[in-house]
Protein backbone atom coordinates (compact mmCIF):
# COMPACT_ATOMS: atom_id res chain seq x y z
CA MET A 1 5.40 -69.04 19.11
CA ALA A 2 7.32 -69.61 15.89
CA THR A 3 10.62 -67.90 15.14
CA VAL A 4 9.72 -65.48 12.34
CA LYS A 5 12.30 -63.32 10.61
CA LYS A 6 10.16 -61.66 7.96
CA LEU A 7 7.27 -62.60 5.72
CA ARG A 8 5.76 -61.21 2.52
CA ASP A 9 2.69 -61.49 0.32
CA ARG A 10 1.44 -65.09 -0.10
CA ASP A 11 3.42 -66.45 2.86
CA SER A 12 1.10 -68.22 5.30
CA ILE A 13 0.58 -68.10 9.05
CA LEU A 14 -1.03 -70.80 11.22
CA THR A 15 -2.53 -69.94 14.62
CA LYS A 16 -2.92 -72.23 17.63
CA GLU A 17 -6.68 -72.44 16.98
CA GLY A 18 -6.22 -73.71 13.43
CA ILE A 19 -6.76 -70.56 11.35
CA ILE A 20 -4.56 -70.19 8.31
CA PHE A 21 -3.88 -66.62 7.25
CA ARG A 22 -2.28 -65.38 4.06
CA VAL A 23 0.08 -62.45 4.52
CA PHE A 24 -1.46 -59.65 2.45
CA GLY A 25 0.85 -57.33 0.57
CA TYR A 26 4.12 -55.80 1.70
CA SER A 27 3.25 -52.92 4.05
CA HIS A 28 2.61 -53.81 7.70
CA PRO A 29 2.62 -52.27 11.18
CA ARG A 30 5.75 -52.90 13.23
CA GLY A 31 5.72 -56.34 14.87
CA ALA A 32 2.61 -57.56 12.98
CA TYR A 33 1.26 -58.64 9.60
CA ILE A 34 -1.92 -57.57 7.83
CA CYS A 35 -3.59 -60.74 6.53
CA ASP A 36 -6.48 -62.45 4.80
CA ALA A 37 -8.09 -65.42 6.53
CA GLU A 38 -7.87 -68.26 3.98
CA TYR A 39 -8.73 -71.52 5.78
CA ALA A 40 -9.87 -72.76 9.17
CA SER A 41 -9.83 -76.17 10.81
CA ALA A 42 -13.10 -78.09 10.89
CA ASP A 43 -12.77 -77.95 14.69
CA ILE A 44 -13.72 -74.26 14.64
CA PHE A 45 -15.38 -73.61 11.26
CA GLN A 46 -17.49 -75.55 8.77
CA SER A 47 -18.89 -74.38 5.47
CA LYS A 48 -21.82 -75.59 3.40
CA ASP A 49 -20.17 -74.31 0.24
CA PRO A 50 -19.25 -77.43 -1.79
CA ARG A 51 -16.02 -75.73 -2.93
CA ALA A 52 -14.75 -75.18 0.59
CA LEU A 53 -13.76 -78.65 1.88
CA ARG A 54 -10.03 -79.38 2.05
CA ASN A 55 -9.28 -82.93 3.18
CA GLY A 56 -6.98 -84.39 0.53
CA GLY A 57 -3.25 -84.96 0.56
CA THR A 58 -1.30 -85.81 3.70
CA GLY A 59 -2.32 -82.94 5.98
CA GLY A 60 -4.43 -85.14 8.25
CA LYS A 61 -6.88 -82.54 9.56
CA VAL A 62 -9.92 -81.30 7.66
CA PHE A 63 -9.99 -77.60 6.73
CA TYR A 64 -12.52 -75.34 5.03
CA LYS A 65 -11.69 -72.44 2.72
CA PHE A 66 -13.24 -69.01 3.23
CA TYR A 67 -14.93 -67.33 0.27
CA ASP A 68 -15.89 -63.69 -0.31
CA ASP A 69 -16.02 -61.92 3.09
CA GLU A 70 -16.50 -65.12 5.16
CA GLY A 71 -12.99 -64.97 6.59
CA TRP A 72 -13.28 -61.30 7.58
CA LYS A 73 -16.61 -61.91 9.35
CA PHE A 74 -15.36 -65.09 11.03
CA VAL A 75 -12.31 -63.38 12.52
CA PHE A 76 -14.09 -60.21 13.65
CA ASN A 77 -16.98 -62.18 15.18
CA ASN A 78 -15.02 -64.99 16.81
CA TYR A 79 -11.33 -64.15 17.07
CA PRO A 80 -11.01 -60.36 17.43
CA GLN A 81 -7.49 -60.88 18.82
CA TYR A 82 -6.52 -61.38 15.18
CA THR A 83 -7.39 -57.83 14.21
CA LEU A 84 -5.07 -54.83 14.16
CA PRO A 85 -5.58 -51.07 14.19
CA HIS A 86 -4.55 -49.68 10.81
CA LYS A 87 -3.47 -46.21 11.88
CA MET A 88 -3.22 -44.85 8.34
CA LEU A 89 -6.83 -45.79 7.57
CA GLY A 90 -8.21 -45.28 11.06
CA VAL A 91 -9.91 -48.70 11.04
CA LYS A 92 -9.26 -52.24 12.25
CA VAL A 93 -8.13 -54.90 9.78
CA VAL A 94 -7.51 -58.64 9.92
CA GLY A 95 -3.96 -59.26 11.06
CA ILE A 96 -1.73 -60.99 13.56
CA LYS A 97 1.09 -59.99 15.86
CA LYS A 98 4.36 -61.85 15.37
CA SER A 99 4.15 -63.06 18.97
CA GLU A 100 0.89 -64.93 18.16
CA ILE A 101 2.21 -66.90 15.19
CA LYS A 102 2.29 -70.65 15.84
CA GLU A 103 3.86 -71.53 12.49
CA ALA A 104 4.92 -69.68 9.34
CA ARG A 105 4.76 -71.49 6.02
CA GLN A 106 6.76 -70.14 3.08
CA PRO A 107 6.03 -71.20 -0.52
CA GLN A 108 9.67 -71.38 -1.66
CA LYS A 109 10.62 -73.73 1.16
CA ARG A 110 7.61 -75.95 0.51
CA LEU A 111 8.41 -76.21 -3.20
CA LYS A 112 12.02 -77.06 -2.41
CA MET A 113 10.79 -79.93 -0.23
CA LEU A 114 8.53 -81.21 -3.01
CA VAL A 115 11.34 -81.07 -5.57
CA SER A 116 13.73 -82.99 -3.32
CA ALA A 117 11.42 -85.99 -2.82
CA GLU A 118 9.54 -88.50 -4.96
CA PRO A 119 6.08 -87.17 -5.93
CA SER A 120 3.53 -88.26 -3.33
CA ASP A 121 0.60 -88.17 -5.77
CA SER A 122 -0.43 -87.30 -9.32
CA LEU A 123 -0.95 -83.58 -8.66
CA VAL A 124 2.50 -83.14 -7.14
CA ALA A 125 3.94 -85.00 -10.13
CA ALA A 126 2.07 -82.71 -12.54
CA THR A 127 3.21 -79.62 -10.63
CA LEU A 128 6.83 -80.73 -10.89
CA ARG A 129 6.45 -81.35 -14.64
CA VAL A 130 5.05 -77.83 -15.07
CA LEU A 131 7.94 -76.47 -13.02
CA ASP A 132 10.48 -78.43 -15.08
CA THR A 133 9.05 -77.02 -18.31
CA SER A 134 9.11 -73.52 -16.83
CA LEU A 135 12.75 -73.87 -15.81
CA LYS A 136 13.78 -75.38 -19.13
CA TYR A 137 12.41 -72.58 -21.30
CA SER A 138 12.88 -69.60 -18.99
CA GLY A 139 16.38 -70.19 -17.70
CA LEU A 140 15.12 -69.40 -14.19
CA GLN A 141 15.98 -71.37 -11.06
CA THR A 142 13.78 -73.33 -8.65
CA GLU A 143 14.29 -70.62 -6.00
CA ASN A 144 12.48 -68.17 -8.32
CA PHE A 145 9.27 -70.15 -7.73
CA GLY A 146 7.06 -71.18 -4.83
CA VAL A 147 3.86 -73.15 -4.32
CA PHE A 148 0.76 -71.73 -2.64
CA GLY A 149 -2.82 -72.74 -1.94
CA SER A 150 -3.75 -76.17 -0.63
CA MET A 151 -0.45 -77.75 -1.73
CA LEU A 152 1.47 -75.37 0.53
CA HIS A 153 -0.44 -76.83 3.48
CA GLY A 154 -0.52 -80.48 2.43
CA PHE A 155 -4.29 -80.80 2.11
CA HIS A 156 -4.57 -80.62 -1.67
CA HIS A 157 -6.69 -83.22 -3.47
CA PRO A 158 -4.87 -85.00 -6.33
CA ASP A 159 -8.02 -85.16 -8.47
CA TYR A 160 -9.52 -81.72 -7.85
CA SER A 161 -6.90 -79.19 -6.71
CA ASP A 162 -5.07 -76.81 -9.05
CA ILE A 163 -1.40 -76.19 -9.78
CA ASP A 164 -0.62 -72.99 -7.87
CA LEU A 165 2.86 -71.57 -8.47
CA LEU A 166 4.38 -68.25 -7.46
CA VAL A 167 6.97 -66.36 -9.50
CA TYR A 168 9.30 -64.11 -7.49
CA GLY A 169 10.69 -60.89 -9.00
CA ARG A 170 9.75 -58.45 -11.77
CA LYS A 171 12.33 -59.62 -14.31
CA GLU A 172 11.56 -63.25 -13.54
CA LEU A 173 7.83 -62.66 -14.02
CA ALA A 174 8.42 -60.89 -17.34
CA LYS A 175 10.48 -63.83 -18.56
CA MET A 176 7.92 -66.37 -17.38
CA ARG A 177 5.06 -64.52 -19.10
CA GLU A 178 7.06 -64.54 -22.32
CA VAL A 179 7.57 -68.30 -21.97
CA LEU A 180 3.90 -68.90 -21.22
CA GLY A 181 2.89 -66.94 -24.32
CA ASP A 182 5.12 -69.21 -26.41
CA LEU A 183 3.79 -72.37 -24.73
CA TYR A 184 0.18 -71.33 -25.31
CA SER A 185 0.97 -70.80 -28.99
CA ASP A 186 2.47 -74.27 -29.33
CA GLY A 187 -0.34 -76.75 -29.83
CA LEU A 188 1.87 -79.64 -28.70
CA SER A 189 3.15 -78.11 -25.44
CA GLY A 190 0.28 -79.26 -23.23
CA PHE A 191 -0.25 -75.66 -22.08
CA ARG A 192 -3.21 -73.44 -22.98
CA ASN A 193 -4.41 -69.99 -21.99
CA GLU A 194 -7.31 -70.45 -19.55
CA PHE A 195 -9.14 -67.46 -20.99
CA ALA A 196 -8.73 -68.30 -24.68
CA THR A 197 -12.31 -69.57 -24.91
CA PRO A 198 -15.65 -68.71 -23.22
CA ALA A 199 -15.43 -72.03 -21.34
CA ALA A 200 -13.41 -70.22 -18.66
CA MET A 201 -16.56 -68.47 -17.45
CA GLU A 202 -19.12 -71.25 -17.84
CA GLY A 203 -21.26 -71.72 -14.74
CA LYS A 204 -19.84 -68.66 -12.99
CA ARG A 205 -22.00 -65.89 -11.60
CA TRP A 206 -21.03 -62.44 -12.89
CA ARG A 207 -21.57 -59.56 -10.45
CA PHE A 208 -19.54 -56.63 -11.75
CA LYS A 209 -21.73 -53.75 -12.91
CA ARG A 210 -19.22 -51.60 -14.82
CA PHE A 211 -17.21 -54.42 -16.32
CA THR A 212 -18.65 -56.96 -18.78
CA VAL A 213 -17.71 -60.63 -19.02
CA LYS A 214 -16.30 -59.99 -22.49
CA GLU A 215 -14.10 -57.17 -21.18
CA PHE A 216 -12.96 -59.36 -18.27
CA MET A 217 -12.00 -62.20 -20.64
CA TRP A 218 -10.01 -59.82 -22.85
CA HIS A 219 -7.99 -58.51 -19.93
CA GLN A 220 -7.45 -61.92 -18.32
CA LYS A 221 -6.25 -63.54 -21.53
CA ARG A 222 -3.42 -61.08 -22.10
CA LYS A 223 -2.12 -61.41 -18.52
CA LEU A 224 -0.83 -64.90 -19.46
CA ILE A 225 -0.48 -66.01 -15.82
CA TYR A 226 -3.69 -68.09 -15.94
CA GLY A 227 -3.14 -71.33 -17.81
CA LEU A 228 -4.41 -74.85 -18.31
CA TYR A 229 -2.13 -77.88 -18.28
CA ASP A 230 -3.17 -81.09 -20.03
CA ASN A 231 -1.86 -83.77 -17.70
CA ARG A 232 -1.53 -86.76 -20.00
CA ALA A 233 -0.66 -89.09 -17.12
CA THR A 234 -4.16 -88.78 -15.64
CA ARG A 235 -6.02 -87.41 -18.68
CA ARG A 236 -7.01 -84.42 -16.60
CA THR A 237 -6.85 -80.73 -17.56
CA ILE A 238 -5.58 -78.77 -14.56
CA LYS A 239 -5.68 -75.05 -13.96
CA ALA A 240 -2.12 -73.75 -13.60
CA GLU A 241 -1.56 -70.26 -12.16
CA PHE A 242 1.68 -68.31 -12.02
CA GLU A 243 1.07 -65.65 -9.37
CA PRO A 244 3.50 -62.71 -9.10
CA VAL A 245 5.29 -61.89 -5.83
CA LYS A 246 7.97 -59.26 -5.26
CA ASP A 247 11.56 -60.24 -4.68
CA TRP A 248 12.90 -59.14 -1.28
CA THR A 249 14.99 -56.44 -2.96
CA GLU A 250 11.86 -54.94 -4.56
CA ILE A 251 9.88 -54.48 -1.35
CA ASN A 252 9.42 -50.99 0.06
CA SER A 253 6.83 -50.69 2.84
CA GLU A 254 4.47 -47.72 2.60
CA TYR A 255 3.04 -48.24 6.07
CA ASN A 256 3.62 -45.06 8.09
CA SER A 257 1.70 -44.28 11.29
CA ASP A 258 2.32 -40.56 10.68
CA THR A 259 0.35 -40.76 7.42
CA THR A 260 -3.45 -40.68 7.22
CA ILE A 261 -5.68 -41.75 4.35
CA ILE A 262 -8.97 -39.86 4.15
CA HIS A 263 -11.90 -41.19 2.10
CA LYS A 264 -13.35 -38.35 0.03
CA SER A 265 -15.97 -39.53 -2.46
CA TRP A 266 -16.89 -41.95 -5.21
CA VAL A 267 -15.41 -40.99 -8.56
CA LYS A 268 -15.19 -42.22 -12.13
CA ILE A 269 -12.49 -40.89 -14.45
CA LYS A 270 -10.73 -41.49 -17.74
CA ALA A 271 -6.95 -41.49 -17.40
CA ARG A 272 -3.69 -42.48 -19.06
CA ILE A 273 -1.38 -44.99 -17.39
CA VAL A 274 2.05 -43.42 -16.89
CA GLU A 275 3.63 -46.10 -14.65
CA ASP A 276 2.90 -49.83 -14.35
CA GLU A 277 5.91 -51.34 -12.54
CA ASP A 278 3.80 -52.56 -9.60
CA ALA A 279 0.81 -53.63 -11.70
CA PRO A 280 1.41 -57.38 -11.11
CA TYR A 281 1.26 -57.26 -7.33
CA ILE A 282 -1.15 -56.81 -4.43
CA PRO A 283 -1.68 -53.97 -4.02
CA SER A 284 -1.44 -53.17 -7.73
CA VAL A 285 -0.27 -49.59 -8.13
CA TYR A 286 -0.61 -47.61 -11.37
CA GLY A 287 0.66 -44.08 -11.90
CA ILE A 288 -1.96 -42.10 -13.82
CA GLN A 289 -2.52 -38.84 -15.66
CA PRO A 290 -6.25 -38.00 -15.32
CA LEU A 291 -7.87 -36.87 -18.57
CA GLU A 292 -11.55 -36.42 -17.72
CA VAL A 293 -13.92 -36.78 -14.77
CA LEU A 294 -16.89 -38.88 -15.87
CA LYS A 295 -18.68 -38.86 -12.52
CA GLY A 296 -18.05 -37.30 -9.14
CA SER A 297 -15.70 -34.69 -7.74
CA LYS A 298 -13.40 -32.63 -9.97
CA LYS A 299 -10.70 -33.51 -7.44
CA GLY A 300 -10.46 -36.72 -9.43
CA LEU A 301 -8.33 -34.71 -11.88
CA GLU A 302 -5.70 -34.41 -9.13
CA ALA A 303 -5.32 -38.17 -8.56
CA VAL A 304 -1.77 -39.36 -9.26
CA ARG A 305 -2.27 -43.09 -8.88
CA VAL A 306 -4.64 -46.04 -8.60
CA VAL A 307 -4.13 -48.50 -5.74
CA SER A 308 -6.00 -51.78 -6.20
CA TYR A 309 -6.33 -54.55 -3.62
CA MET A 310 -8.54 -56.57 -5.98
CA GLU A 311 -7.02 -59.55 -7.77
CA GLU A 312 -9.27 -58.91 -10.78
CA PHE A 313 -7.29 -55.76 -11.54
CA ARG A 314 -3.71 -57.04 -11.34
CA LEU A 315 -1.81 -56.57 -14.62
CA GLN A 316 -4.98 -54.90 -15.85
CA ALA A 317 -3.45 -52.01 -17.77
CA ARG A 318 -0.13 -51.10 -19.34
CA LYS A 319 1.88 -47.92 -19.61
CA ASP A 320 0.45 -45.42 -22.15
CA GLU A 321 -2.97 -47.11 -22.29
CA THR A 322 -6.11 -45.05 -21.69
CA VAL A 323 -8.32 -46.52 -18.98
CA ILE A 324 -11.61 -46.05 -17.16
CA ILE A 325 -11.32 -46.04 -13.37
CA GLU A 326 -14.18 -46.08 -10.88
CA GLY A 327 -13.66 -46.27 -7.13
CA THR A 328 -13.00 -44.28 -3.97
CA LEU A 329 -11.11 -41.02 -4.17
CA GLU A 330 -8.78 -40.66 -1.19
CA GLU A 331 -6.44 -37.99 0.09
CA VAL A 332 -3.14 -39.25 1.48
CA LYS A 333 -1.71 -36.82 4.06
CA SER A 334 1.79 -37.07 5.53
CA PRO A 335 4.30 -34.73 7.15
CA ASP A 336 5.90 -34.43 3.71
CA GLY A 337 2.72 -33.28 1.94
CA SER A 338 -0.42 -34.76 0.46
CA PHE A 339 -1.77 -36.26 -2.77
CA TYR A 340 -4.91 -37.90 -4.15
CA GLN A 341 -5.35 -41.51 -5.20
CA ILE A 342 -8.22 -43.74 -6.31
CA THR A 343 -8.51 -46.98 -4.34
CA LEU A 344 -10.19 -50.22 -5.42
CA THR A 345 -10.78 -52.54 -2.49
CA TYR A 346 -13.29 -54.51 -0.39
CA CYS A 347 -16.22 -52.17 0.22
CA PRO A 348 -20.05 -52.08 0.00
CA ARG A 349 -19.77 -51.00 -3.65
CA TYR A 350 -17.24 -53.70 -4.52
CA TYR A 351 -18.87 -54.71 -7.81
CA GLU A 352 -19.25 -51.14 -9.03
CA GLN A 353 -15.49 -50.63 -9.03
CA THR A 354 -13.57 -50.80 -12.26
CA LEU A 355 -10.21 -50.50 -13.92
CA LYS A 356 -10.30 -51.34 -17.61
CA VAL A 357 -8.83 -50.31 -20.92
CA ALA A 358 -11.11 -47.73 -22.54
CA ASP A 359 -12.87 -48.15 -25.87
CA LEU A 360 -12.10 -51.81 -26.45
CA LYS A 361 -12.87 -53.07 -29.95
CA PHE A 362 -13.86 -56.73 -30.08
């Protein structure tokens, strides 16, 4: 068992069997963490998906990445000990007790190690150049950043893996997005917005039913956290992401075993965004003022917020914008009272869910 003080979204957990979990969000039961299963050792899981293999870098062992609901199914079918009762929802979720953690891996510590040593390969070198540029123009410090994905675990591939950076804190993220906007506008910076051209979606299967590719591109482009870096040293263009994570001082757990969340019905509404402070994070939370029910129960007019666990809908809308929302209407009941919310999450109607700015003009 590893000595674990506390973890947050995007920190990673390794089990004795070789499963790597990502801590999911900021609200957890006492003595445990709700997680996503991200990777598993080839000793216990193998995938035929050509994207899944992870055997680069200096990690030694071969791992495979889970896609879609593979990780959820794998854990529930083979390692049910890594599930937890979510008392608020009344269901079991993927998660791990602190006593079962073999090793915790934290992105800030890993990045600090990379910065303190000579680059071990071309991707690490490119990552450090991107970080240096970020620090130079933002005025932020190395401790405001972390590294996630395969580089966190040492099995990245220098020729194929991406540059995956985390930005900690709301003010720090706002500053970094401002810097990225400037870099994208500078044709000599080596940075470009990933979603500036249709090439970002070439070869990708589109499944969303209430959300067009054109609408998706429009939203993704203005988020600014998805970039491309032209690595002149290897003549390779590398995806460079700047994922938002809350600073420790910004975390307030909503997990409360005395609260219950009751699924009511499917609903589609038009609403105005009245609060967007937690829009960058998972879950993304938006305060709303409902304007019109387009489909489903009139109780949708009583919803006070949208809670999204879907990465597609982070930073999706801004304060005072009018949006279309389609998802599950829920009632949240606690000893202090109750309210309605619309939740976007993993469910059988995943691709029917939506959160988008209304009446876009292209």
